[in-house]
PDB file of N, CA and C in Angstrom:
ATOM      1  N   MET A   1      35.169  18.578 -42.275  1.00  0.00           N
ATOM      2  CA  MET A   1      34.799  19.057 -40.904  1.00  0.00           C
ATOM      3  C   MET A   1      36.189  19.072 -40.254  1.00  0.00           C
ATOM      4  N   ASP A   2      36.017  20.860 -39.683  1.00  0.00           N
ATOM      5  CA  ASP A   2      37.036  20.891 -38.903  1.00  0.00           C
ATOM      6  C   ASP A   2      37.082  19.895 -37.189  1.00  0.00           C
ATOM      7  N   GLU A   3      38.448  19.658 -36.616  1.00  0.00           N
ATOM      8  CA  GLU A   3      38.196  19.376 -35.314  1.00  0.00           C
ATOM      9  C   GLU A   3      37.533  19.659 -34.645  1.00  0.00           C
ATOM     10  N   ASP A   4      37.344  21.134 -34.249  1.00  0.00           N
ATOM     11  CA  ASP A   4      36.603  21.858 -33.432  1.00  0.00           C
ATOM     12  C   ASP A   4      35.195  21.232 -33.792  1.00  0.00           C
ATOM     13  N   ASP A   5      34.541  21.050 -34.744  1.00  0.00           N
ATOM     14  CA  ASP A   5      33.166  20.889 -35.168  1.00  0.00           C
ATOM     15  C   ASP A   5      32.819  19.323 -34.807  1.00  0.00           C
ATOM     16  N   SER A   6      33.719  18.331 -34.495  1.00  0.00           N
ATOM     17  CA  SER A   6      33.019  17.043 -33.959  1.00  0.00           C
ATOM     18  C   SER A   6      32.872  17.079 -32.825  1.00  0.00           C
ATOM     19  N   LYS A   7      31.539  16.206 -32.628  1.00  0.00           N
ATOM     20  CA  LYS A   7      31.332  16.100 -30.990  1.00  0.00           C
ATOM     21  C   LYS A   7      31.486  14.732 -30.686  1.00  0.00           C
ATOM     22  N   THR A   8      31.107  14.405 -29.444  1.00  0.00           N
ATOM     23  CA  THR A   8      31.191  12.895 -28.957  1.00  0.00           C
ATOM     24  C   THR A   8      30.295  12.854 -28.293  1.00  0.00           C
ATOM     25  N   LEU A   9      29.566  11.625 -27.839  1.00  0.00           N
ATOM     26  CA  LEU A   9      27.985  11.577 -27.232  1.00  0.00           C
ATOM     27  C   LEU A   9      28.849  10.758 -26.151  1.00  0.00           C
ATOM     28  N   ALA A  10      28.465  11.052 -24.981  1.00  0.00           N
ATOM     29  CA  ALA A  10      28.537   9.944 -23.694  1.00  0.00           C
ATOM     30  C   ALA A  10      27.502   9.534 -22.938  1.00  0.00           C
ATOM     31  N   MET A  11      27.315   8.404 -22.827  1.00  0.00           N
ATOM     32  CA  MET A  11      26.119   7.875 -22.442  1.00  0.00           C
ATOM     33  C   MET A  11      26.137   7.931 -20.879  1.00  0.00           C
ATOM     34  N   LEU A  12      25.149   8.180 -20.189  1.00  0.00           N
ATOM     35  CA  LEU A  12      25.132   8.633 -18.937  1.00  0.00           C
ATOM     36  C   LEU A  12      24.237   7.491 -18.100  1.00  0.00           C
ATOM     37  N   ALA A  13      22.971   7.124 -19.194  1.00  0.00           N
ATOM     38  CA  ALA A  13      22.156   6.126 -18.365  1.00  0.00           C
ATOM     39  C   ALA A  13      21.659   5.405 -19.415  1.00  0.00           C
ATOM     40  N   ALA A  14      20.698   4.412 -19.190  1.00  0.00           N
ATOM     41  CA  ALA A  14      19.919   3.666 -19.939  1.00  0.00           C
ATOM     42  C   ALA A  14      18.824   2.945 -19.338  1.00  0.00           C
ATOM     43  N   LYS A  15      17.739   2.931 -19.985  1.00  0.00           N
ATOM     44  CA  LYS A  15      16.502   2.369 -18.542  1.00  0.00           C
ATOM     45  C   LYS A  15      15.739   1.729 -19.785  1.00  0.00           C
ATOM     46  N   VAL A  16      14.984   0.561 -19.402  1.00  0.00           N
ATOM     47  CA  VAL A  16      14.124  -0.305 -20.353  1.00  0.00           C
ATOM     48  C   VAL A  16      12.587  -0.093 -19.673  1.00  0.00           C
ATOM     49  N   PHE A  17      12.090  -0.044 -20.555  1.00  0.00           N
ATOM     50  CA  PHE A  17      10.314   0.330 -20.046  1.00  0.00           C
ATOM     51  C   PHE A  17       9.255  -0.582 -20.875  1.00  0.00           C
ATOM     52  N   PRO A  18       8.293  -0.986 -20.395  1.00  0.00           N
ATOM     53  CA  PRO A  18       7.610  -1.550 -21.296  1.00  0.00           C
ATOM     54  C   PRO A  18       7.339  -0.714 -22.262  1.00  0.00           C
ATOM     55  N   ALA A  19       6.950  -1.193 -23.738  1.00  0.00           N
ATOM     56  CA  ALA A  19       6.796  -0.194 -24.915  1.00  0.00           C
ATOM     57  C   ALA A  19       5.430   0.588 -24.679  1.00  0.00           C
ATOM     58  N   ALA A  20       5.278   1.778 -25.186  1.00  0.00           N
ATOM     59  CA  ALA A  20       4.594   2.805 -25.133  1.00  0.00           C
ATOM     60  C   ALA A  20       4.707   3.789 -25.798  1.00  0.00           C
ATOM     61  N   THR A  21       3.569   4.211 -26.683  1.00  0.00           N
ATOM     62  CA  THR A  21       4.064   5.344 -27.779  1.00  0.00           C
ATOM     63  C   THR A  21       4.100   6.474 -26.878  1.00  0.00           C
ATOM     64  N   THR A  22       3.381   6.797 -25.509  1.00  0.00           N
ATOM     65  CA  THR A  22       4.131   8.116 -25.319  1.00  0.00           C
ATOM     66  C   THR A  22       5.347   8.250 -24.806  1.00  0.00           C
ATOM     67  N   LEU A  23       6.396   7.391 -25.061  1.00  0.00           N
ATOM     68  CA  LEU A  23       7.879   7.387 -24.407  1.00  0.00           C
ATOM     69  C   LEU A  23       8.505   8.177 -25.342  1.00  0.00           C
ATOM     70  N   VAL A  24       7.820   7.914 -26.574  1.00  0.00           N
ATOM     71  CA  VAL A  24       8.427   8.767 -28.165  1.00  0.00           C
ATOM     72  C   VAL A  24       8.380  10.236 -27.671  1.00  0.00           C
ATOM     73  N   ASP A  25       7.009  10.398 -27.465  1.00  0.00           N
ATOM     74  CA  ASP A  25       6.913  12.063 -26.864  1.00  0.00           C
ATOM     75  C   ASP A  25       7.363  12.459 -26.135  1.00  0.00           C
ATOM     76  N   VAL A  26       7.692  11.422 -24.966  1.00  0.00           N
ATOM     77  CA  VAL A  26       8.574  12.319 -23.771  1.00  0.00           C
ATOM     78  C   VAL A  26      10.189  12.637 -24.273  1.00  0.00           C
ATOM     79  N   VAL A  27      10.658  11.634 -24.901  1.00  0.00           N
ATOM     80  CA  VAL A  27      11.812  11.840 -25.534  1.00  0.00           C
ATOM     81  C   VAL A  27      11.913  12.888 -26.290  1.00  0.00           C
ATOM     82  N   ASP A  28      10.966  13.085 -27.304  1.00  0.00           N
ATOM     83  CA  ASP A  28      10.573  14.521 -28.338  1.00  0.00           C
ATOM     84  C   ASP A  28      10.891  15.874 -27.089  1.00  0.00           C
ATOM     85  N   PHE A  29       9.894  16.079 -26.341  1.00  0.00           N
ATOM     86  CA  PHE A  29       9.967  16.770 -25.439  1.00  0.00           C
ATOM     87  C   PHE A  29      11.487  17.168 -24.474  1.00  0.00           C
ATOM     88  N   LEU A  30      11.762  15.919 -24.163  1.00  0.00           N
ATOM     89  CA  LEU A  30      12.994  15.923 -23.359  1.00  0.00           C
ATOM     90  C   LEU A  30      14.136  16.525 -24.316  1.00  0.00           C
ATOM     91  N   ASN A  31      14.342  15.993 -25.542  1.00  0.00           N
ATOM     92  CA  ASN A  31      15.310  16.908 -26.429  1.00  0.00           C
ATOM     93  C   ASN A  31      15.096  18.251 -26.747  1.00  0.00           C
ATOM     94  N   LYS A  32      13.929  18.451 -26.983  1.00  0.00           N
ATOM     95  CA  LYS A  32      13.542  20.329 -27.767  1.00  0.00           C
ATOM     96  C   LYS A  32      13.649  21.137 -26.455  1.00  0.00           C
ATOM     97  N   SER A  33      13.784  20.690 -24.784  1.00  0.00           N
ATOM     98  CA  SER A  33      14.174  21.113 -23.701  1.00  0.00           C
ATOM     99  C   SER A  33      15.299  21.084 -23.336  1.00  0.00           C
ATOM    100  N   LEU A  34      16.148  20.181 -23.416  1.00  0.00           N
ATOM    101  CA  LEU A  34      17.316  20.321 -22.510  1.00  0.00           C
ATOM    102  C   LEU A  34      18.538  20.200 -23.970  1.00  0.00           C
ATOM    103  N   LYS A  35      18.564  20.082 -25.165  1.00  0.00           N
ATOM    104  CA  LYS A  35      19.565  20.192 -25.799  1.00  0.00           C
ATOM    105  C   LYS A  35      20.614  21.085 -25.731  1.00  0.00           C
ATOM    106  N   ARG A  36      19.841  22.417 -25.474  1.00  0.00           N
ATOM    107  CA  ARG A  36      21.076  23.337 -25.316  1.00  0.00           C
ATOM    108  C   ARG A  36      21.878  23.367 -24.056  1.00  0.00           C
ATOM    109  N   GLU A  37      21.105  22.643 -23.173  1.00  0.00           N
ATOM    110  CA  GLU A  37      22.393  22.555 -21.937  1.00  0.00           C
ATOM    111  C   GLU A  37      22.952  21.322 -22.602  1.00  0.00           C
ATOM    112  N   GLY A  38      23.349  20.716 -23.577  1.00  0.00           N
ATOM    113  CA  GLY A  38      24.043  19.499 -23.856  1.00  0.00           C
ATOM    114  C   GLY A  38      23.530  18.280 -23.791  1.00  0.00           C
ATOM    115  N   TYR A  39      22.311  17.615 -23.742  1.00  0.00           N
ATOM    116  CA  TYR A  39      21.984  16.437 -23.084  1.00  0.00           C
ATOM    117  C   TYR A  39      21.155  16.026 -24.513  1.00  0.00           C
ATOM    118  N   ILE A  40      21.143  14.592 -24.680  1.00  0.00           N
ATOM    119  CA  ILE A  40      20.110  14.569 -25.987  1.00  0.00           C
ATOM    120  C   ILE A  40      19.702  12.711 -25.482  1.00  0.00           C
ATOM    121  N   PHE A  41      18.646  13.112 -25.677  1.00  0.00           N
ATOM    122  CA  PHE A  41      17.866  11.666 -25.430  1.00  0.00           C
ATOM    123  C   PHE A  41      17.765  10.546 -26.612  1.00  0.00           C
ATOM    124  N   GLY A  42      17.762   9.321 -26.703  1.00  0.00           N
ATOM    125  CA  GLY A  42      17.489   8.326 -27.375  1.00  0.00           C
ATOM    126  C   GLY A  42      16.308   7.622 -27.162  1.00  0.00           C
ATOM    127  N   VAL A  43      15.608   6.989 -27.853  1.00  0.00           N
ATOM    128  CA  VAL A  43      14.065   5.967 -27.467  1.00  0.00           C
ATOM    129  C   VAL A  43      14.518   4.836 -28.882  1.00  0.00           C
ATOM    130  N   SER A  44      14.594   3.552 -28.473  1.00  0.00           N
ATOM    131  CA  SER A  44      14.636   2.850 -29.247  1.00  0.00           C
ATOM    132  C   SER A  44      13.902   1.498 -29.035  1.00  0.00           C
ATOM    133  N   LYS A  45      12.746   0.272 -29.629  1.00  0.00           N
ATOM    134  CA  LYS A  45      12.216  -0.402 -29.265  1.00  0.00           C
ATOM    135  C   LYS A  45      12.691  -1.696 -30.044  1.00  0.00           C
ATOM    136  N   SER A  46      12.183  -2.842 -29.166  1.00  0.00           N
ATOM    137  CA  SER A  46      12.637  -4.102 -29.323  1.00  0.00           C
ATOM    138  C   SER A  46      11.902  -5.027 -29.153  1.00  0.00           C
ATOM    139  N   GLY A  47      10.923  -5.716 -29.626  1.00  0.00           N
ATOM    140  CA  GLY A  47       9.851  -6.018 -29.204  1.00  0.00           C
ATOM    141  C   GLY A  47       8.560  -5.414 -28.235  1.00  0.00           C
ATOM    142  N   ASP A  48       8.427  -5.876 -27.295  1.00  0.00           N
ATOM    143  CA  ASP A  48       7.433  -5.309 -26.362  1.00  0.00           C
ATOM    144  C   ASP A  48       8.182  -4.232 -25.183  1.00  0.00           C
ATOM    145  N   LYS A  49       9.525  -4.088 -25.595  1.00  0.00           N
ATOM    146  CA  LYS A  49      10.246  -3.351 -24.611  1.00  0.00           C
ATOM    147  C   LYS A  49      10.664  -1.862 -25.212  1.00  0.00           C
ATOM    148  N   MET A  50      10.966  -0.952 -24.597  1.00  0.00           N
ATOM    149  CA  MET A  50      11.762   0.583 -25.363  1.00  0.00           C
ATOM    150  C   MET A  50      12.841   0.608 -24.142  1.00  0.00           C
ATOM    151  N   THR A  51      13.639   1.226 -25.116  1.00  0.00           N
ATOM    152  CA  THR A  51      14.786   1.702 -23.740  1.00  0.00           C
ATOM    153  C   THR A  51      15.332   3.357 -24.437  1.00  0.00           C
ATOM    154  N   ILE A  52      15.233   3.962 -23.105  1.00  0.00           N
ATOM    155  CA  ILE A  52      15.387   5.601 -23.391  1.00  0.00           C
ATOM    156  C   ILE A  52      17.243   5.520 -22.715  1.00  0.00           C
ATOM    157  N   VAL A  53      17.812   6.217 -23.351  1.00  0.00           N
ATOM    158  CA  VAL A  53      19.268   6.810 -23.087  1.00  0.00           C
ATOM    159  C   VAL A  53      19.300   7.933 -23.463  1.00  0.00           C
ATOM    160  N   ILE A  54      20.403   8.242 -22.236  1.00  0.00           N
ATOM    161  CA  ILE A  54      20.559   9.551 -21.813  1.00  0.00           C
ATOM    162  C   ILE A  54      21.984   9.979 -22.313  1.00  0.00           C
ATOM    163  N   TYR A  55      22.351  10.922 -23.178  1.00  0.00           N
ATOM    164  CA  TYR A  55      23.505  10.984 -23.757  1.00  0.00           C
ATOM    165  C   TYR A  55      24.081  12.290 -23.220  1.00  0.00           C
ATOM    166  N   ARG A  56      25.214  12.888 -22.839  1.00  0.00           N
ATOM    167  CA  ARG A  56      25.841  13.998 -22.955  1.00  0.00           C
ATOM    168  C   ARG A  56      26.837  14.456 -24.275  1.00  0.00           C
ATOM    169  N   ALA A  57      26.352  15.479 -24.662  1.00  0.00           N
ATOM    170  CA  ALA A  57      27.261  16.160 -25.674  1.00  0.00           C
ATOM    171  C   ALA A  57      28.359  16.869 -25.761  1.00  0.00           C
ATOM    172  N   ASP A  58      29.389  16.274 -25.819  1.00  0.00           N
ATOM    173  CA  ASP A  58      30.938  17.258 -25.358  1.00  0.00           C
ATOM    174  C   ASP A  58      30.982  17.712 -26.472  1.00  0.00           C
ATOM    175  N   GLY A  59      31.468  18.918 -26.521  1.00  0.00           N
ATOM    176  CA  GLY A  59      31.934  20.118 -28.081  1.00  0.00           C
ATOM    177  C   GLY A  59      31.120  21.003 -28.199  1.00  0.00           C
ATOM    178  N   PRO A  60      31.323  21.572 -29.178  1.00  0.00           N
ATOM    179  CA  PRO A  60      30.453  23.243 -29.589  1.00  0.00           C
ATOM    180  C   PRO A  60      29.197  22.760 -29.630  1.00  0.00           C
ATOM    181  N   GLU A  61      28.258  23.741 -29.450  1.00  0.00           N
ATOM    182  CA  GLU A  61      26.749  23.797 -29.699  1.00  0.00           C
ATOM    183  C   GLU A  61      26.792  23.601 -30.965  1.00  0.00           C
ATOM    184  N   PRO A  62      25.556  23.092 -31.668  1.00  0.00           N
ATOM    185  CA  PRO A  62      25.142  22.989 -32.829  1.00  0.00           C
ATOM    186  C   PRO A  62      25.095  24.504 -33.736  1.00  0.00           C
ATOM    187  N   ARG A  63      25.394  24.564 -34.764  1.00  0.00           N
ATOM    188  CA  ARG A  63      25.085  25.620 -35.360  1.00  0.00           C
ATOM    189  C   ARG A  63      23.715  25.912 -35.928  1.00  0.00           C
ATOM    190  N   GLU A  64      22.755  27.059 -35.781  1.00  0.00           N
ATOM    191  CA  GLU A  64      21.555  26.787 -36.235  1.00  0.00           C
ATOM    192  C   GLU A  64      21.098  27.754 -37.503  1.00  0.00           C
TER     193      GLU A  64
END
């Protein structure tokens, strides 16, 4: 991998919510809508809580 092909993710924000399966759908929608703008969203579950994290991707756009 060339140095120019690498990406770093900078965490912008994180928020914990009560667990709900719809949050996964929201994160999927946000990723599909805003990936081209350089934003990536993550979701994780721990017990009865879910955390959504917003990242900003620095570096070149992904190749399709």
